[in-house]
Every structure is written in C-alpha cells, then in structure tokens.
Amino acid sequence: MTNKADLVNLVALRTELTKTDVSLVVDAAIETIIDSVVGGEKVSILGFGSFEARERSARQGLNPKTGEKIAIPAKHVPAFTAGKLFKDRVQTESKKTKKKK
C-alpha cells in the first residue's frame, strides 16, 4: 500500500463496505485529526500512535547557493509518534522479512 486509494481499497475489502463509504470515513478521520492538531490538541489512537503539533525553535541556517547566513523563524510542525503495538509489530515483521532474503 502506498497511497490513500490503496488504503480505501484494502479497508473496503476487510469491512465489506463500499469504496465510497470507506473514502468518506477516511477523509473524515484525516480532517478530524488535522483539525484537532491545528487546535493544539494531541490525538492518540491506542495501539497506533499519537499526532501532535511541536514547536521548532528559531535557528540560523545557510543559503546553499551563496553560503550566506539566514535566519529561520520558529514554527509549528506536525509530528507522529508510533505507539508500542505499532513499533513492536514493525520490529517483528521486519525480522521475518530479513530472514526470508
């Protein structure tokens, strides 16, 4: 799976719902998560992970063309932290995949 359409197709197969219904649910879930994070809330999905906004401090950078120092302002960025179940599953499945090679 590499994109939203693939996600919709797989969920539709697992749930026997129509792709249209699944697409509406996926869109609503994504919009709800975005709206909550923008509003300063942390969204936690047990077993999956947490979404939150984090503040990135102001810093100095370099213009790659000129080498001139530039000021990079502080900003808020979205962040995702995988939950324990998600991390454990990735670790277990990664070991299985490596052994097959």
PDB file of N, CA and C in Angstrom:
ATOM      1  N   MET A   1       0.845  -1.169   0.000  1.00  0.00           N
ATOM      2  CA  MET A   1       0.000   0.000   0.000  1.00  0.00           C
ATOM      3  C   MET A   1       0.895   1.238   0.000  1.00  0.00           C
ATOM      4  N   THR A   2       0.585   2.143  -0.872  1.00  0.00           N
ATOM      5  CA  THR A   2       1.414   3.336  -0.956  1.00  0.00           C
ATOM      6  C   THR A   2       0.631   4.649  -0.934  1.00  0.00           C
ATOM      7  N   ASN A   3      -0.690   4.585  -1.057  1.00  0.00           N
ATOM      8  CA  ASN A   3      -1.435   5.839  -1.086  1.00  0.00           C
ATOM      9  C   ASN A   3      -2.843   5.667  -0.520  1.00  0.00           C
ATOM     10  N   LYS A   4      -3.582   6.753  -0.498  1.00  0.00           N
ATOM     11  CA  LYS A   4      -4.922   6.744   0.087  1.00  0.00           C
ATOM     12  C   LYS A   4      -5.868   5.800  -0.662  1.00  0.00           C
ATOM     13  N   ALA A   5      -5.770   5.762  -1.969  1.00  0.00           N
ATOM     14  CA  ALA A   5      -6.641   4.881  -2.755  1.00  0.00           C
ATOM     15  C   ALA A   5      -6.420   3.414  -2.372  1.00  0.00           C
ATOM     16  N   ASP A   6      -5.162   3.034  -2.162  1.00  0.00           N
ATOM     17  CA  ASP A   6      -4.863   1.662  -1.736  1.00  0.00           C
ATOM     18  C   ASP A   6      -5.455   1.387  -0.356  1.00  0.00           C
ATOM     19  N   LEU A   7      -5.340   2.360   0.549  1.00  0.00           N
ATOM     20  CA  LEU A   7      -5.909   2.214   1.886  1.00  0.00           C
ATOM     21  C   LEU A   7      -7.416   2.011   1.799  1.00  0.00           C
ATOM     22  N   VAL A   8      -8.080   2.831   1.011  1.00  0.00           N
ATOM     23  CA  VAL A   8      -9.536   2.721   0.839  1.00  0.00           C
ATOM     24  C   VAL A   8      -9.899   1.343   0.292  1.00  0.00           C
ATOM     25  N   ASN A   9      -9.173   0.874  -0.706  1.00  0.00           N
ATOM     26  CA  ASN A   9      -9.457  -0.445  -1.291  1.00  0.00           C
ATOM     27  C   ASN A   9      -9.303  -1.566  -0.273  1.00  0.00           C
ATOM     28  N   LEU A  10      -8.233  -1.547   0.504  1.00  0.00           N
ATOM     29  CA  LEU A  10      -7.992  -2.602   1.486  1.00  0.00           C
ATOM     30  C   LEU A  10      -9.017  -2.582   2.614  1.00  0.00           C
ATOM     31  N   VAL A  11      -9.377  -1.392   3.095  1.00  0.00           N
ATOM     32  CA  VAL A  11     -10.389  -1.300   4.151  1.00  0.00           C
ATOM     33  C   VAL A  11     -11.748  -1.753   3.618  1.00  0.00           C
ATOM     34  N   ALA A  12     -12.060  -1.398   2.386  1.00  0.00           N
ATOM     35  CA  ALA A  12     -13.329  -1.827   1.785  1.00  0.00           C
ATOM     36  C   ALA A  12     -13.393  -3.354   1.700  1.00  0.00           C
ATOM     37  N   LEU A  13     -12.282  -3.989   1.340  1.00  0.00           N
ATOM     38  CA  LEU A  13     -12.245  -5.451   1.277  1.00  0.00           C
ATOM     39  C   LEU A  13     -12.428  -6.085   2.658  1.00  0.00           C
ATOM     40  N   ARG A  14     -11.790  -5.512   3.670  1.00  0.00           N
ATOM     41  CA  ARG A  14     -11.872  -6.074   5.025  1.00  0.00           C
ATOM     42  C   ARG A  14     -13.231  -5.866   5.678  1.00  0.00           C
ATOM     43  N   THR A  15     -13.894  -4.783   5.348  1.00  0.00           N
ATOM     44  CA  THR A  15     -15.143  -4.438   6.032  1.00  0.00           C
ATOM     45  C   THR A  15     -16.391  -4.721   5.204  1.00  0.00           C
ATOM     46  N   GLU A  16     -16.221  -5.010   3.932  1.00  0.00           N
ATOM     47  CA  GLU A  16     -17.335  -5.224   3.003  1.00  0.00           C
ATOM     48  C   GLU A  16     -18.206  -3.973   2.849  1.00  0.00           C
ATOM     49  N   LEU A  17     -17.631  -2.802   3.128  1.00  0.00           N
ATOM     50  CA  LEU A  17     -18.301  -1.535   2.862  1.00  0.00           C
ATOM     51  C   LEU A  17     -17.924  -1.092   1.451  1.00  0.00           C
ATOM     52  N   THR A  18     -18.692  -0.160   0.903  1.00  0.00           N
ATOM     53  CA  THR A  18     -18.352   0.333  -0.428  1.00  0.00           C
ATOM     54  C   THR A  18     -17.130   1.239  -0.350  1.00  0.00           C
ATOM     55  N   LYS A  19     -16.429   1.343  -1.456  1.00  0.00           N
ATOM     56  CA  LYS A  19     -15.260   2.216  -1.506  1.00  0.00           C
ATOM     57  C   LYS A  19     -15.659   3.662  -1.245  1.00  0.00           C
ATOM     58  N   THR A  20     -16.834   4.050  -1.691  1.00  0.00           N
ATOM     59  CA  THR A  20     -17.314   5.414  -1.475  1.00  0.00           C
ATOM     60  C   THR A  20     -17.493   5.685   0.015  1.00  0.00           C
ATOM     61  N   ASP A  21     -18.112   4.735   0.723  1.00  0.00           N
ATOM     62  CA  ASP A  21     -18.318   4.902   2.165  1.00  0.00           C
ATOM     63  C   ASP A  21     -16.992   4.935   2.914  1.00  0.00           C
ATOM     64  N   VAL A  22     -16.096   4.031   2.561  1.00  0.00           N
ATOM     65  CA  VAL A  22     -14.787   3.988   3.212  1.00  0.00           C
ATOM     66  C   VAL A  22     -14.027   5.281   2.943  1.00  0.00           C
ATOM     67  N   SER A  23     -14.083   5.778   1.724  1.00  0.00           N
ATOM     68  CA  SER A  23     -13.397   7.014   1.380  1.00  0.00           C
ATOM     69  C   SER A  23     -13.911   8.179   2.215  1.00  0.00           C
ATOM     70  N   LEU A  24     -15.228   8.249   2.425  1.00  0.00           N
ATOM     71  CA  LEU A  24     -15.810   9.305   3.255  1.00  0.00           C
ATOM     72  C   LEU A  24     -15.302   9.198   4.693  1.00  0.00           C
ATOM     73  N   VAL A  25     -15.220   7.978   5.222  1.00  0.00           N
ATOM     74  CA  VAL A  25     -14.749   7.770   6.589  1.00  0.00           C
ATOM     75  C   VAL A  25     -13.270   8.135   6.711  1.00  0.00           C
ATOM     76  N   VAL A  26     -12.460   7.708   5.760  1.00  0.00           N
ATOM     77  CA  VAL A  26     -11.027   8.024   5.788  1.00  0.00           C
ATOM     78  C   VAL A  26     -10.826   9.540   5.713  1.00  0.00           C
ATOM     79  N   ASP A  27     -11.535  10.196   4.799  1.00  0.00           N
ATOM     80  CA  ASP A  27     -11.431  11.659   4.676  1.00  0.00           C
ATOM     81  C   ASP A  27     -11.837  12.349   5.978  1.00  0.00           C
ATOM     82  N   ALA A  28     -12.940  11.890   6.575  1.00  0.00           N
ATOM     83  CA  ALA A  28     -13.422  12.496   7.816  1.00  0.00           C
ATOM     84  C   ALA A  28     -12.415  12.280   8.953  1.00  0.00           C
ATOM     85  N   ALA A  29     -11.832  11.090   9.029  1.00  0.00           N
ATOM     86  CA  ALA A  29     -10.848  10.806  10.078  1.00  0.00           C
ATOM     87  C   ALA A  29      -9.623  11.705   9.924  1.00  0.00           C
ATOM     88  N   ILE A  30      -9.130  11.823   8.705  1.00  0.00           N
ATOM     89  CA  ILE A  30      -7.953  12.656   8.450  1.00  0.00           C
ATOM     90  C   ILE A  30      -8.241  14.116   8.782  1.00  0.00           C
ATOM     91  N   GLU A  31      -9.383  14.619   8.339  1.00  0.00           N
ATOM     92  CA  GLU A  31      -9.754  16.014   8.610  1.00  0.00           C
ATOM     93  C   GLU A  31      -9.912  16.258  10.107  1.00  0.00           C
ATOM     94  N   THR A  32     -10.491  15.298  10.827  1.00  0.00           N
ATOM     95  CA  THR A  32     -10.677  15.432  12.265  1.00  0.00           C
ATOM     96  C   THR A  32      -9.332  15.478  12.983  1.00  0.00           C
ATOM     97  N   ILE A  33      -8.406  14.620  12.573  1.00  0.00           N
ATOM     98  CA  ILE A  33      -7.064  14.615  13.173  1.00  0.00           C
ATOM     99  C   ILE A  33      -6.374  15.947  12.903  1.00  0.00           C
ATOM    100  N   ILE A  34      -6.428  16.410  11.660  1.00  0.00           N
ATOM    101  CA  ILE A  34      -5.782  17.679  11.302  1.00  0.00           C
ATOM    102  C   ILE A  34      -6.389  18.830  12.105  1.00  0.00           C
ATOM    103  N   ASP A  35      -7.717  18.907  12.159  1.00  0.00           N
ATOM    104  CA  ASP A  35      -8.377  19.987  12.887  1.00  0.00           C
ATOM    105  C   ASP A  35      -7.996  19.973  14.368  1.00  0.00           C
ATOM    106  N   SER A  36      -7.915  18.792  14.957  1.00  0.00           N
ATOM    107  CA  SER A  36      -7.555  18.679  16.376  1.00  0.00           C
ATOM    108  C   SER A  36      -6.123  19.121  16.624  1.00  0.00           C
ATOM    109  N   VAL A  37      -5.199  18.682  15.778  1.00  0.00           N
ATOM    110  CA  VAL A  37      -3.794  19.053  15.942  1.00  0.00           C
ATOM    111  C   VAL A  37      -3.608  20.552  15.722  1.00  0.00           C
ATOM    112  N   VAL A  38      -4.274  21.106  14.716  1.00  0.00           N
ATOM    113  CA  VAL A  38      -4.203  22.551  14.467  1.00  0.00           C
ATOM    114  C   VAL A  38      -4.734  23.318  15.677  1.00  0.00           C
ATOM    115  N   GLY A  39      -5.748  22.749  16.341  1.00  0.00           N
ATOM    116  CA  GLY A  39      -6.328  23.379  17.526  1.00  0.00           C
ATOM    117  C   GLY A  39      -5.496  23.195  18.785  1.00  0.00           C
ATOM    118  N   GLY A  40      -4.341  22.562  18.660  1.00  0.00           N
ATOM    119  CA  GLY A  40      -3.448  22.411  19.800  1.00  0.00           C
ATOM    120  C   GLY A  40      -3.661  21.144  20.611  1.00  0.00           C
ATOM    121  N   GLU A  41      -4.521  20.258  20.128  1.00  0.00           N
ATOM    122  CA  GLU A  41      -4.784  19.011  20.846  1.00  0.00           C
ATOM    123  C   GLU A  41      -3.851  17.902  20.372  1.00  0.00           C
ATOM    124  N   LYS A  42      -3.607  16.938  21.253  1.00  0.00           N
ATOM    125  CA  LYS A  42      -2.864  15.742  20.895  1.00  0.00           C
ATOM    126  C   LYS A  42      -3.888  14.655  20.621  1.00  0.00           C
ATOM    127  N   VAL A  43      -3.751  13.974  19.492  1.00  0.00           N
ATOM    128  CA  VAL A  43      -4.676  12.910  19.112  1.00  0.00           C
ATOM    129  C   VAL A  43      -3.956  11.580  19.301  1.00  0.00           C
ATOM    130  N   SER A  44      -4.473  10.752  20.204  1.00  0.00           N
ATOM    131  CA  SER A  44      -3.868   9.448  20.472  1.00  0.00           C
ATOM    132  C   SER A  44      -4.814   8.339  20.046  1.00  0.00           C
ATOM    133  N   ILE A  45      -4.293   7.420  19.249  1.00  0.00           N
ATOM    134  CA  ILE A  45      -5.056   6.256  18.820  1.00  0.00           C
ATOM    135  C   ILE A  45      -4.343   5.047  19.421  1.00  0.00           C
ATOM    136  N   LEU A  46      -4.973   4.437  20.425  1.00  0.00           N
ATOM    137  CA  LEU A  46      -4.365   3.343  21.171  1.00  0.00           C
ATOM    138  C   LEU A  46      -3.871   2.239  20.242  1.00  0.00           C
ATOM    139  N   GLY A  47      -2.626   1.867  20.384  1.00  0.00           N
ATOM    140  CA  GLY A  47      -2.031   0.817  19.575  1.00  0.00           C
ATOM    141  C   GLY A  47      -1.450   1.312  18.261  1.00  0.00           C
ATOM    142  N   PHE A  48      -1.830   2.499  17.848  1.00  0.00           N
ATOM    143  CA  PHE A  48      -1.334   3.041  16.580  1.00  0.00           C
ATOM    144  C   PHE A  48      -0.300   4.127  16.802  1.00  0.00           C
ATOM    145  N   GLY A  49      -0.717   5.205  17.486  1.00  0.00           N
ATOM    146  CA  GLY A  49       0.234   6.283  17.741  1.00  0.00           C
ATOM    147  C   GLY A  49      -0.454   7.585  18.070  1.00  0.00           C
ATOM    148  N   SER A  50       0.358   8.637  18.144  1.00  0.00           N
ATOM    149  CA  SER A  50      -0.142   9.958  18.515  1.00  0.00           C
ATOM    150  C   SER A  50       0.287  11.008  17.500  1.00  0.00           C
ATOM    151  N   PHE A  51      -0.618  11.935  17.252  1.00  0.00           N
ATOM    152  CA  PHE A  51      -0.363  13.079  16.385  1.00  0.00           C
ATOM    153  C   PHE A  51      -0.387  14.321  17.255  1.00  0.00           C
ATOM    154  N   GLU A  52       0.554  15.231  17.042  1.00  0.00           N
ATOM    155  CA  GLU A  52       0.564  16.480  17.784  1.00  0.00           C
ATOM    156  C   GLU A  52       1.364  17.525  17.017  1.00  0.00           C
ATOM    157  N   ALA A  53       1.180  18.778  17.418  1.00  0.00           N
ATOM    158  CA  ALA A  53       1.983  19.862  16.848  1.00  0.00           C
ATOM    159  C   ALA A  53       3.159  20.093  17.793  1.00  0.00           C
ATOM    160  N   ARG A  54       4.328  20.264  17.229  1.00  0.00           N
ATOM    161  CA  ARG A  54       5.519  20.569  18.026  1.00  0.00           C
ATOM    162  C   ARG A  54       6.106  21.881  17.540  1.00  0.00           C
ATOM    163  N   GLU A  55       6.691  22.609  18.484  1.00  0.00           N
ATOM    164  CA  GLU A  55       7.303  23.891  18.127  1.00  0.00           C
ATOM    165  C   GLU A  55       8.760  23.657  17.752  1.00  0.00           C
ATOM    166  N   ARG A  56       9.135  24.205  16.645  1.00  0.00           N
ATOM    167  CA  ARG A  56      10.530  24.172  16.209  1.00  0.00           C
ATOM    168  C   ARG A  56      11.114  25.552  16.471  1.00  0.00           C
ATOM    169  N   SER A  57      12.198  25.607  17.208  1.00  0.00           N
ATOM    170  CA  SER A  57      12.824  26.882  17.590  1.00  0.00           C
ATOM    171  C   SER A  57      13.412  27.607  16.387  1.00  0.00           C
ATOM    172  N   ALA A  58      13.529  28.909  16.545  1.00  0.00           N
ATOM    173  CA  ALA A  58      14.214  29.711  15.519  1.00  0.00           C
ATOM    174  C   ALA A  58      15.684  29.297  15.496  1.00  0.00           C
ATOM    175  N   ARG A  59      16.286  29.365  14.325  1.00  0.00           N
ATOM    176  CA  ARG A  59      17.694  28.975  14.219  1.00  0.00           C
ATOM    177  C   ARG A  59      18.327  29.673  13.030  1.00  0.00           C
ATOM    178  N   GLN A  60      19.628  29.535  12.939  1.00  0.00           N
ATOM    179  CA  GLN A  60      20.348  30.094  11.797  1.00  0.00           C
ATOM    180  C   GLN A  60      20.659  28.975  10.815  1.00  0.00           C
ATOM    181  N   GLY A  61      20.528  29.294   9.542  1.00  0.00           N
ATOM    182  CA  GLY A  61      20.867  28.339   8.502  1.00  0.00           C
ATOM    183  C   GLY A  61      21.775  28.988   7.479  1.00  0.00           C
ATOM    184  N   LEU A  62      22.119  28.208   6.465  1.00  0.00           N
ATOM    185  CA  LEU A  62      22.971  28.727   5.396  1.00  0.00           C
ATOM    186  C   LEU A  62      22.250  28.605   4.061  1.00  0.00           C
ATOM    187  N   ASN A  63      22.345  29.661   3.263  1.00  0.00           N
ATOM    188  CA  ASN A  63      21.834  29.607   1.902  1.00  0.00           C
ATOM    189  C   ASN A  63      22.790  28.698   1.121  1.00  0.00           C
ATOM    190  N   PRO A  64      22.299  27.593   0.542  1.00  0.00           N
ATOM    191  CA  PRO A  64      23.193  26.658  -0.131  1.00  0.00           C
ATOM    192  C   PRO A  64      23.902  27.236  -1.365  1.00  0.00           C
ATOM    193  N   LYS A  65      23.293  28.215  -2.009  1.00  0.00           N
ATOM    194  CA  LYS A  65      23.927  28.808  -3.197  1.00  0.00           C
ATOM    195  C   LYS A  65      25.034  29.786  -2.836  1.00  0.00           C
ATOM    196  N   THR A  66      24.732  30.655  -1.850  1.00  0.00           N
ATOM    197  CA  THR A  66      25.679  31.730  -1.543  1.00  0.00           C
ATOM    198  C   THR A  66      26.508  31.478  -0.287  1.00  0.00           C
ATOM    199  N   GLY A  67      26.060  30.569   0.561  1.00  0.00           N
ATOM    200  CA  GLY A  67      26.748  30.325   1.819  1.00  0.00           C
ATOM    201  C   GLY A  67      26.431  31.386   2.866  1.00  0.00           C
ATOM    202  N   GLU A  68      25.548  32.313   2.512  1.00  0.00           N
ATOM    203  CA  GLU A  68      25.171  33.404   3.406  1.00  0.00           C
ATOM    204  C   GLU A  68      24.309  32.869   4.551  1.00  0.00           C
ATOM    205  N   LYS A  69      24.522  33.399   5.769  1.00  0.00           N
ATOM    206  CA  LYS A  69      23.721  33.012   6.921  1.00  0.00           C
ATOM    207  C   LYS A  69      22.330  33.618   6.786  1.00  0.00           C
ATOM    208  N   ILE A  70      21.318  32.825   7.101  1.00  0.00           N
ATOM    209  CA  ILE A  70      19.943  33.307   7.066  1.00  0.00           C
ATOM    210  C   ILE A  70      19.246  32.910   8.367  1.00  0.00           C
ATOM    211  N   ALA A  71      18.292  33.723   8.774  1.00  0.00           N
ATOM    212  CA  ALA A  71      17.519  33.431   9.980  1.00  0.00           C
ATOM    213  C   ALA A  71      16.311  32.591   9.593  1.00  0.00           C
ATOM    214  N   ILE A  72      16.158  31.449  10.236  1.00  0.00           N
ATOM    215  CA  ILE A  72      14.997  30.592  10.014  1.00  0.00           C
ATOM    216  C   ILE A  72      14.080  30.787  11.216  1.00  0.00           C
ATOM    217  N   PRO A  73      12.856  31.292  10.979  1.00  0.00           N
ATOM    218  CA  PRO A  73      11.966  31.608  12.107  1.00  0.00           C
ATOM    219  C   PRO A  73      11.428  30.348  12.792  1.00  0.00           C
ATOM    220  N   ALA A  74      10.962  30.528  14.027  1.00  0.00           N
ATOM    221  CA  ALA A  74      10.313  29.438  14.759  1.00  0.00           C
ATOM    222  C   ALA A  74       9.014  29.088  14.050  1.00  0.00           C
ATOM    223  N   LYS A  75       8.610  27.830  14.159  1.00  0.00           N
ATOM    224  CA  LYS A  75       7.348  27.423  13.547  1.00  0.00           C
ATOM    225  C   LYS A  75       6.817  26.169  14.232  1.00  0.00           C
ATOM    226  N   HIS A  76       5.556  25.874  13.979  1.00  0.00           N
ATOM    227  CA  HIS A  76       4.939  24.655  14.485  1.00  0.00           C
ATOM    228  C   HIS A  76       4.909  23.631  13.350  1.00  0.00           C
ATOM    229  N   VAL A  77       5.234  22.387  13.673  1.00  0.00           N
ATOM    230  CA  VAL A  77       5.227  21.323  12.675  1.00  0.00           C
ATOM    231  C   VAL A  77       4.426  20.143  13.202  1.00  0.00           C
ATOM    232  N   PRO A  78       3.761  19.399  12.308  1.00  0.00           N
ATOM    233  CA  PRO A  78       3.048  18.206  12.760  1.00  0.00           C
ATOM    234  C   PRO A  78       4.047  17.093  13.078  1.00  0.00           C
ATOM    235  N   ALA A  79       3.699  16.281  14.076  1.00  0.00           N
ATOM    236  CA  ALA A  79       4.576  15.172  14.453  1.00  0.00           C
ATOM    237  C   ALA A  79       3.735  13.934  14.746  1.00  0.00           C
ATOM    238  N   PHE A  80       4.283  12.778  14.423  1.00  0.00           N
ATOM    239  CA  PHE A  80       3.636  11.498  14.707  1.00  0.00           C
ATOM    240  C   PHE A  80       4.597  10.644  15.509  1.00  0.00           C
ATOM    241  N   THR A  81       4.094  10.038  16.565  1.00  0.00           N
ATOM    242  CA  THR A  81       4.879   9.110  17.359  1.00  0.00           C
ATOM    243  C   THR A  81       4.156   7.771  17.336  1.00  0.00           C
ATOM    244  N   ALA A  82       4.825   6.749  16.849  1.00  0.00           N
ATOM    245  CA  ALA A  82       4.214   5.421  16.768  1.00  0.00           C
ATOM    246  C   ALA A  82       3.995   4.851  18.160  1.00  0.00           C
ATOM    247  N   GLY A  83       2.882   4.150  18.327  1.00  0.00           N
ATOM    248  CA  GLY A  83       2.575   3.504  19.596  1.00  0.00           C
ATOM    249  C   GLY A  83       3.351   2.203  19.758  1.00  0.00           C
ATOM    250  N   LYS A  84       3.333   1.662  20.972  1.00  0.00           N
ATOM    251  CA  LYS A  84       4.100   0.454  21.282  1.00  0.00           C
ATOM    252  C   LYS A  84       3.688  -0.724  20.398  1.00  0.00           C
ATOM    253  N   LEU A  85       2.387  -0.959  20.246  1.00  0.00           N
ATOM    254  CA  LEU A  85       1.915  -2.079  19.431  1.00  0.00           C
ATOM    255  C   LEU A  85       2.408  -1.942  17.990  1.00  0.00           C
ATOM    256  N   PHE A  86       2.333  -0.742  17.448  1.00  0.00           N
ATOM    257  CA  PHE A  86       2.784  -0.469  16.083  1.00  0.00           C
ATOM    258  C   PHE A  86       4.286  -0.738  15.969  1.00  0.00           C
ATOM    259  N   LYS A  87       5.065  -0.193  16.901  1.00  0.00           N
ATOM    260  CA  LYS A  87       6.517  -0.381  16.878  1.00  0.00           C
ATOM    261  C   LYS A  87       6.886  -1.863  16.980  1.00  0.00           C
ATOM    262  N   ASP A  88       6.231  -2.558  17.919  1.00  0.00           N
ATOM    263  CA  ASP A  88       6.530  -3.982  18.108  1.00  0.00           C
ATOM    264  C   ASP A  88       6.205  -4.789  16.857  1.00  0.00           C
ATOM    265  N   ARG A  89       5.095  -4.479  16.231  1.00  0.00           N
ATOM    266  CA  ARG A  89       4.681  -5.216  15.027  1.00  0.00           C
ATOM    267  C   ARG A  89       5.649  -4.977  13.872  1.00  0.00           C
ATOM    268  N   VAL A  90       6.083  -3.737  13.697  1.00  0.00           N
ATOM    269  CA  VAL A  90       7.050  -3.420  12.641  1.00  0.00           C
ATOM    270  C   VAL A  90       8.355  -4.162  12.910  1.00  0.00           C
ATOM    271  N   GLN A  91       8.792  -4.167  14.158  1.00  0.00           N
ATOM    272  CA  GLN A  91      10.032  -4.850  14.513  1.00  0.00           C
ATOM    273  C   GLN A  91       9.936  -6.347  14.214  1.00  0.00           C
ATOM    274  N   THR A  92       8.842  -6.966  14.611  1.00  0.00           N
ATOM    275  CA  THR A  92       8.645  -8.401  14.395  1.00  0.00           C
ATOM    276  C   THR A  92       8.574  -8.734  12.910  1.00  0.00           C
ATOM    277  N   GLU A  93       7.797  -7.963  12.158  1.00  0.00           N
ATOM    278  CA  GLU A  93       7.638  -8.225  10.728  1.00  0.00           C
ATOM    279  C   GLU A  93       8.931  -7.954   9.971  1.00  0.00           C
ATOM    280  N   SER A  94       9.706  -6.961  10.404  1.00  0.00           N
ATOM    281  CA  SER A  94      10.983  -6.658   9.754  1.00  0.00           C
ATOM    282  C   SER A  94      11.954  -7.816   9.915  1.00  0.00           C
ATOM    283  N   LYS A  95      11.951  -8.433  11.083  1.00  0.00           N
ATOM    284  CA  LYS A  95      12.837  -9.590  11.313  1.00  0.00           C
ATOM    285  C   LYS A  95      12.452 -10.753  10.405  1.00  0.00           C
ATOM    286  N   LYS A  96      11.145 -10.998  10.239  1.00  0.00           N
ATOM    287  CA  LYS A  96      10.665 -12.078   9.378  1.00  0.00           C
ATOM    288  C   LYS A  96      11.072 -11.844   7.924  1.00  0.00           C
ATOM    289  N   THR A  97      10.950 -10.602   7.461  1.00  0.00           N
ATOM    290  CA  THR A  97      11.279 -10.253   6.084  1.00  0.00           C
ATOM    291  C   THR A  97      12.766 -10.444   5.825  1.00  0.00           C
ATOM    292  N   LYS A  98      13.615 -10.051   6.769  1.00  0.00           N
ATOM    293  CA  LYS A  98      15.062 -10.172   6.602  1.00  0.00           C
ATOM    294  C   LYS A  98      15.492 -11.631   6.552  1.00  0.00           C
ATOM    295  N   LYS A  99      14.827 -12.499   7.323  1.00  0.00           N
ATOM    296  CA  LYS A  99      15.183 -13.916   7.343  1.00  0.00           C
ATOM    297  C   LYS A  99      14.849 -14.596   6.015  1.00  0.00           C
ATOM    298  N   LYS A 100      13.804 -14.123   5.332  1.00  0.00           N
ATOM    299  CA  LYS A 100      13.387 -14.716   4.056  1.00  0.00           C
ATOM    300  C   LYS A 100      14.382 -14.427   2.938  1.00  0.00           C
ATOM    301  N   LYS A 101      15.114 -13.323   3.044  1.00  0.00           N
ATOM    302  CA  LYS A 101      16.023 -12.910   1.961  1.00  0.00           C
ATOM    303  C   LYS A 101      17.215 -13.762   1.868  1.00  0.00           C
TER     304      LYS A 101
END
